[in-house]
N, C-alpha and C. Protein backbone atom coordinates (compact mmCIF):
# COMPACT_ATOMS: atom_id res chain seq x y z
N MET A 1 -109.90 21.89 -66.02
CA MET A 1 -109.69 22.17 -64.62
C MET A 1 -110.16 23.60 -64.35
N THR A 2 -110.95 23.75 -63.32
CA THR A 2 -111.51 25.07 -63.03
C THR A 2 -110.67 25.87 -62.05
N GLU A 3 -109.86 25.19 -61.26
CA GLU A 3 -109.03 25.92 -60.30
C GLU A 3 -107.81 25.09 -59.94
N TYR A 4 -106.76 25.80 -59.59
CA TYR A 4 -105.55 25.16 -59.10
C TYR A 4 -105.55 25.29 -57.58
N GLN A 5 -104.48 24.97 -56.96
CA GLN A 5 -104.32 24.96 -55.51
C GLN A 5 -105.45 25.68 -54.77
N THR A 6 -106.15 24.91 -53.97
CA THR A 6 -107.28 25.41 -53.19
C THR A 6 -107.28 24.72 -51.83
N PRO A 7 -107.81 25.35 -50.80
CA PRO A 7 -107.88 24.69 -49.50
C PRO A 7 -108.60 23.34 -49.53
N LYS A 8 -109.46 23.13 -50.51
CA LYS A 8 -110.15 21.85 -50.64
C LYS A 8 -109.16 20.70 -50.87
N ASP A 9 -107.98 21.03 -51.40
CA ASP A 9 -106.97 20.00 -51.66
C ASP A 9 -106.49 19.33 -50.37
N ARG A 10 -106.66 20.00 -49.25
CA ARG A 10 -106.24 19.42 -47.97
C ARG A 10 -106.95 18.09 -47.69
N ALA A 11 -108.08 17.88 -48.31
CA ALA A 11 -108.82 16.62 -48.14
C ALA A 11 -108.00 15.43 -48.64
N TYR A 12 -106.97 15.69 -49.44
CA TYR A 12 -106.14 14.62 -50.00
C TYR A 12 -104.87 14.36 -49.19
N THR A 13 -104.75 14.97 -48.04
CA THR A 13 -103.55 14.79 -47.22
C THR A 13 -103.30 13.32 -46.91
N ASN A 14 -104.30 12.64 -46.37
CA ASN A 14 -104.11 11.23 -46.01
C ASN A 14 -103.90 10.36 -47.24
N THR A 15 -104.53 10.71 -48.34
CA THR A 15 -104.33 9.96 -49.59
C THR A 15 -102.86 10.02 -49.99
N LEU A 16 -102.29 11.20 -49.94
CA LEU A 16 -100.88 11.36 -50.30
C LEU A 16 -99.97 10.64 -49.30
N LEU A 17 -100.20 10.84 -48.02
CA LEU A 17 -99.35 10.21 -46.99
C LEU A 17 -99.42 8.68 -47.06
N ASN A 18 -100.61 8.15 -47.28
CA ASN A 18 -100.79 6.70 -47.32
C ASN A 18 -100.26 6.07 -48.61
N ALA A 19 -100.16 6.86 -49.67
CA ALA A 19 -99.68 6.33 -50.94
C ALA A 19 -98.16 6.14 -50.96
N ALA A 20 -97.46 6.82 -50.07
CA ALA A 20 -96.00 6.69 -49.97
C ALA A 20 -95.62 6.75 -48.50
N PRO A 21 -95.95 5.70 -47.74
CA PRO A 21 -95.81 5.76 -46.28
C PRO A 21 -94.39 5.97 -45.77
N LYS A 22 -93.41 5.32 -46.37
CA LYS A 22 -92.03 5.49 -45.88
C LYS A 22 -91.54 6.91 -46.13
N GLU A 23 -91.78 7.41 -47.32
CA GLU A 23 -91.37 8.76 -47.66
C GLU A 23 -92.12 9.79 -46.81
N ALA A 24 -93.41 9.55 -46.61
CA ALA A 24 -94.22 10.45 -45.80
C ALA A 24 -93.72 10.47 -44.36
N ALA A 25 -93.40 9.32 -43.83
CA ALA A 25 -92.89 9.25 -42.45
C ALA A 25 -91.57 10.01 -42.32
N ALA A 26 -90.70 9.86 -43.30
CA ALA A 26 -89.41 10.56 -43.27
C ALA A 26 -89.63 12.07 -43.35
N PHE A 27 -90.52 12.49 -44.25
CA PHE A 27 -90.82 13.91 -44.39
C PHE A 27 -91.41 14.46 -43.10
N MET A 28 -92.39 13.76 -42.54
CA MET A 28 -93.03 14.25 -41.32
C MET A 28 -92.05 14.31 -40.16
N ASN A 29 -91.12 13.36 -40.09
CA ASN A 29 -90.10 13.41 -39.05
C ASN A 29 -89.21 14.64 -39.22
N LEU A 30 -88.80 14.91 -40.45
CA LEU A 30 -87.99 16.10 -40.72
C LEU A 30 -88.77 17.36 -40.36
N LYS A 31 -90.03 17.42 -40.77
CA LYS A 31 -90.88 18.58 -40.48
C LYS A 31 -91.01 18.80 -38.98
N HIS A 32 -91.30 17.74 -38.24
CA HIS A 32 -91.47 17.87 -36.79
C HIS A 32 -90.15 18.25 -36.11
N THR A 33 -89.04 17.72 -36.61
CA THR A 33 -87.74 18.06 -36.04
C THR A 33 -87.43 19.53 -36.29
N ALA A 34 -87.67 20.00 -37.50
CA ALA A 34 -87.40 21.40 -37.83
C ALA A 34 -88.29 22.36 -37.06
N GLU A 35 -89.50 21.92 -36.72
CA GLU A 35 -90.46 22.79 -36.05
C GLU A 35 -90.49 22.58 -34.53
N ARG A 36 -89.50 21.87 -34.01
CA ARG A 36 -89.53 21.60 -32.57
C ARG A 36 -89.34 22.89 -31.77
N THR A 37 -89.79 22.86 -30.54
CA THR A 37 -89.72 24.06 -29.70
C THR A 37 -88.54 24.03 -28.73
N ASP A 38 -87.79 22.94 -28.71
CA ASP A 38 -86.70 22.82 -27.75
C ASP A 38 -85.32 23.04 -28.39
N GLY A 39 -85.28 23.63 -29.56
CA GLY A 39 -84.01 23.88 -30.23
C GLY A 39 -83.33 25.13 -29.69
N VAL A 40 -82.11 25.35 -30.12
CA VAL A 40 -81.35 26.53 -29.73
C VAL A 40 -81.99 27.79 -30.31
N ILE A 41 -82.50 27.70 -31.54
CA ILE A 41 -83.16 28.85 -32.17
C ILE A 41 -84.56 28.96 -31.60
N PRO A 42 -84.91 30.12 -31.05
CA PRO A 42 -86.27 30.29 -30.50
C PRO A 42 -87.34 30.08 -31.56
N ILE A 43 -88.50 29.62 -31.13
CA ILE A 43 -89.58 29.26 -32.03
C ILE A 43 -90.01 30.43 -32.91
N LYS A 44 -90.04 31.64 -32.35
CA LYS A 44 -90.45 32.78 -33.17
C LYS A 44 -89.50 32.96 -34.35
N TYR A 45 -88.22 32.82 -34.12
CA TYR A 45 -87.25 32.97 -35.21
C TYR A 45 -87.34 31.81 -36.19
N ARG A 46 -87.59 30.61 -35.68
CA ARG A 46 -87.79 29.46 -36.57
C ARG A 46 -88.97 29.73 -37.50
N GLU A 47 -90.03 30.27 -36.93
CA GLU A 47 -91.23 30.53 -37.73
C GLU A 47 -91.01 31.67 -38.71
N LEU A 48 -90.29 32.71 -38.31
CA LEU A 48 -89.99 33.79 -39.26
C LEU A 48 -89.12 33.28 -40.40
N MET A 49 -88.17 32.39 -40.11
CA MET A 49 -87.38 31.77 -41.18
C MET A 49 -88.27 30.93 -42.07
N SER A 50 -89.20 30.21 -41.46
CA SER A 50 -90.12 29.38 -42.23
C SER A 50 -91.01 30.23 -43.12
N VAL A 51 -91.44 31.37 -42.62
CA VAL A 51 -92.23 32.29 -43.44
C VAL A 51 -91.41 32.75 -44.63
N ALA A 52 -90.16 33.12 -44.40
CA ALA A 52 -89.30 33.60 -45.49
C ALA A 52 -89.12 32.52 -46.56
N VAL A 53 -88.87 31.31 -46.13
CA VAL A 53 -88.70 30.21 -47.10
C VAL A 53 -90.01 29.95 -47.83
N ALA A 54 -91.11 29.96 -47.10
CA ALA A 54 -92.42 29.72 -47.72
C ALA A 54 -92.73 30.79 -48.76
N LEU A 55 -92.35 32.02 -48.49
CA LEU A 55 -92.55 33.09 -49.46
C LEU A 55 -91.73 32.86 -50.72
N THR A 56 -90.50 32.40 -50.55
CA THR A 56 -89.65 32.21 -51.74
C THR A 56 -90.05 30.96 -52.52
N THR A 57 -90.57 29.94 -51.84
CA THR A 57 -91.03 28.75 -52.55
C THR A 57 -92.48 28.91 -53.02
N GLN A 58 -93.13 29.95 -52.53
CA GLN A 58 -94.51 30.30 -52.89
C GLN A 58 -95.50 29.18 -52.59
N CYS A 59 -95.32 28.55 -51.45
CA CYS A 59 -96.25 27.51 -50.99
C CYS A 59 -97.33 28.18 -50.13
N ALA A 60 -98.53 28.32 -50.69
CA ALA A 60 -99.61 29.01 -49.99
C ALA A 60 -99.94 28.35 -48.65
N TYR A 61 -99.94 27.01 -48.63
CA TYR A 61 -100.24 26.30 -47.38
C TYR A 61 -99.17 26.58 -46.33
N CYS A 62 -97.92 26.60 -46.76
CA CYS A 62 -96.81 26.86 -45.84
C CYS A 62 -96.87 28.29 -45.31
N ILE A 63 -97.17 29.23 -46.20
CA ILE A 63 -97.28 30.63 -45.78
C ILE A 63 -98.35 30.75 -44.71
N GLU A 64 -99.52 30.19 -44.97
CA GLU A 64 -100.62 30.27 -44.01
C GLU A 64 -100.24 29.64 -42.67
N SER A 65 -99.70 28.44 -42.73
CA SER A 65 -99.35 27.72 -41.51
C SER A 65 -98.29 28.46 -40.70
N HIS A 66 -97.24 28.91 -41.37
CA HIS A 66 -96.13 29.52 -40.64
C HIS A 66 -96.43 30.96 -40.21
N ILE A 67 -97.31 31.67 -40.92
CA ILE A 67 -97.77 32.97 -40.42
C ILE A 67 -98.53 32.75 -39.13
N ASN A 68 -99.45 31.79 -39.12
CA ASN A 68 -100.22 31.49 -37.90
C ASN A 68 -99.29 31.10 -36.76
N ASN A 69 -98.31 30.24 -37.05
CA ASN A 69 -97.37 29.82 -36.01
C ASN A 69 -96.53 30.99 -35.51
N ALA A 70 -96.11 31.86 -36.43
CA ALA A 70 -95.30 33.01 -36.04
C ALA A 70 -96.09 33.96 -35.14
N VAL A 71 -97.34 34.18 -35.49
CA VAL A 71 -98.19 35.04 -34.66
C VAL A 71 -98.36 34.42 -33.27
N GLN A 72 -98.61 33.12 -33.23
CA GLN A 72 -98.74 32.44 -31.93
C GLN A 72 -97.45 32.52 -31.13
N ALA A 73 -96.31 32.58 -31.82
CA ALA A 73 -95.01 32.66 -31.14
C ALA A 73 -94.65 34.10 -30.78
N GLY A 74 -95.53 35.04 -31.10
CA GLY A 74 -95.30 36.43 -30.69
C GLY A 74 -94.77 37.36 -31.75
N ALA A 75 -94.73 36.92 -32.99
CA ALA A 75 -94.23 37.79 -34.06
C ALA A 75 -95.20 38.95 -34.28
N SER A 76 -94.63 40.11 -34.55
CA SER A 76 -95.44 41.30 -34.79
C SER A 76 -95.67 41.50 -36.28
N ARG A 77 -96.59 42.38 -36.60
CA ARG A 77 -96.87 42.75 -37.98
C ARG A 77 -95.59 43.27 -38.64
N GLU A 78 -94.84 44.07 -37.89
CA GLU A 78 -93.60 44.64 -38.43
C GLU A 78 -92.55 43.56 -38.70
N GLU A 79 -92.47 42.56 -37.83
CA GLU A 79 -91.52 41.46 -38.07
C GLU A 79 -91.91 40.66 -39.31
N ILE A 80 -93.21 40.44 -39.50
CA ILE A 80 -93.68 39.74 -40.70
C ILE A 80 -93.34 40.58 -41.93
N ALA A 81 -93.61 41.88 -41.87
CA ALA A 81 -93.33 42.76 -43.01
C ALA A 81 -91.84 42.76 -43.35
N GLU A 82 -90.98 42.87 -42.34
CA GLU A 82 -89.54 42.84 -42.61
C GLU A 82 -89.13 41.50 -43.20
N THR A 83 -89.73 40.42 -42.71
CA THR A 83 -89.45 39.09 -43.24
C THR A 83 -89.82 39.02 -44.72
N VAL A 84 -90.96 39.60 -45.08
CA VAL A 84 -91.39 39.63 -46.48
C VAL A 84 -90.32 40.29 -47.35
N PHE A 85 -89.84 41.45 -46.92
CA PHE A 85 -88.88 42.18 -47.74
C PHE A 85 -87.49 41.55 -47.73
N ILE A 86 -87.10 40.93 -46.65
CA ILE A 86 -85.83 40.19 -46.63
C ILE A 86 -85.90 39.03 -47.61
N ALA A 87 -87.01 38.29 -47.58
CA ALA A 87 -87.18 37.17 -48.51
C ALA A 87 -87.18 37.67 -49.96
N ALA A 88 -87.86 38.79 -50.21
CA ALA A 88 -87.91 39.35 -51.57
C ALA A 88 -86.51 39.75 -52.04
N ALA A 89 -85.73 40.37 -51.15
CA ALA A 89 -84.38 40.80 -51.54
C ALA A 89 -83.49 39.60 -51.83
N LEU A 90 -83.60 38.57 -51.02
CA LEU A 90 -82.78 37.39 -51.26
C LEU A 90 -83.21 36.66 -52.51
N ARG A 91 -84.51 36.62 -52.76
CA ARG A 91 -85.00 35.99 -53.99
C ARG A 91 -84.45 36.75 -55.20
N ALA A 92 -84.50 38.08 -55.14
CA ALA A 92 -83.95 38.90 -56.23
C ALA A 92 -82.44 38.71 -56.34
N GLY A 93 -81.79 38.61 -55.20
CA GLY A 93 -80.34 38.38 -55.21
C GLY A 93 -79.99 37.06 -55.86
N GLY A 94 -80.84 36.06 -55.66
CA GLY A 94 -80.62 34.77 -56.31
C GLY A 94 -80.67 34.89 -57.82
N ALA A 95 -81.56 35.73 -58.31
CA ALA A 95 -81.65 35.95 -59.76
C ALA A 95 -80.38 36.61 -60.27
N VAL A 96 -79.83 37.54 -59.52
CA VAL A 96 -78.58 38.18 -59.92
C VAL A 96 -77.45 37.16 -59.90
N GLY A 97 -77.41 36.34 -58.85
CA GLY A 97 -76.37 35.31 -58.76
C GLY A 97 -76.42 34.33 -59.91
N THR A 98 -77.61 33.86 -60.25
CA THR A 98 -77.71 32.95 -61.39
C THR A 98 -77.54 33.70 -62.70
N GLY A 99 -77.80 35.01 -62.67
CA GLY A 99 -77.53 35.84 -63.84
C GLY A 99 -76.05 35.89 -64.16
N LEU A 100 -75.21 35.88 -63.12
CA LEU A 100 -73.76 35.82 -63.33
C LEU A 100 -73.39 34.54 -64.06
N MET A 101 -74.00 33.44 -63.64
CA MET A 101 -73.75 32.16 -64.31
C MET A 101 -74.24 32.23 -65.76
N ALA A 102 -75.37 32.87 -65.98
CA ALA A 102 -75.91 33.00 -67.34
C ALA A 102 -74.92 33.76 -68.23
N MET A 103 -74.31 34.79 -67.68
CA MET A 103 -73.33 35.56 -68.46
C MET A 103 -72.13 34.69 -68.82
N ARG A 104 -71.67 33.89 -67.85
CA ARG A 104 -70.54 32.98 -68.13
C ARG A 104 -70.93 31.97 -69.20
N LEU A 105 -72.13 31.39 -69.07
CA LEU A 105 -72.59 30.41 -70.05
C LEU A 105 -72.72 31.03 -71.44
N PHE A 106 -73.16 32.29 -71.48
CA PHE A 106 -73.23 32.99 -72.76
C PHE A 106 -71.85 33.11 -73.38
N GLU A 107 -70.88 33.53 -72.57
CA GLU A 107 -69.50 33.66 -73.07
C GLU A 107 -68.97 32.32 -73.56
N GLU A 108 -69.23 31.26 -72.76
CA GLU A 108 -68.77 29.93 -73.15
C GLU A 108 -69.45 29.46 -74.44
N ALA A 109 -70.75 29.75 -74.58
CA ALA A 109 -71.46 29.35 -75.79
C ALA A 109 -70.89 30.08 -77.02
N GLY A 110 -70.55 31.35 -76.83
CA GLY A 110 -69.96 32.13 -77.93
C GLY A 110 -68.60 31.61 -78.32
N THR A 111 -67.81 31.21 -77.33
CA THR A 111 -66.48 30.68 -77.59
C THR A 111 -66.57 29.32 -78.25
N ALA A 112 -67.54 28.53 -77.82
CA ALA A 112 -67.68 27.16 -78.38
C ALA A 112 -68.13 27.20 -79.83
N SER A 113 -68.88 28.24 -80.22
CA SER A 113 -69.37 28.28 -81.60
C SER A 113 -68.36 28.83 -82.58
N LYS A 114 -67.22 29.31 -82.09
CA LYS A 114 -66.20 29.86 -82.98
C LYS A 114 -65.24 28.82 -83.46
């Protein structure tokens, strides 16, 4: 394999959707519902949240799509930058949180081996 995730992969969108039509329909319904413009949360904030999640899941397609949507919804460069650092802090915080569990598991493993 010469390359991983590339924009050329978008050519397989219909292949994927058609190979699992019920699941694809459910996913697309959820996606459209989450991205609706008539919700209580304004679209700009929905898109900034989507950018944050896309950054933590590291989905390049999602990052591109939701950055474009956020800009169209009026997000500024500064709002995108703050979103990046909020996502980074929460991602790091998640590591600390699971680190606490790791410490407990270490203690339990030590107790179990005695």
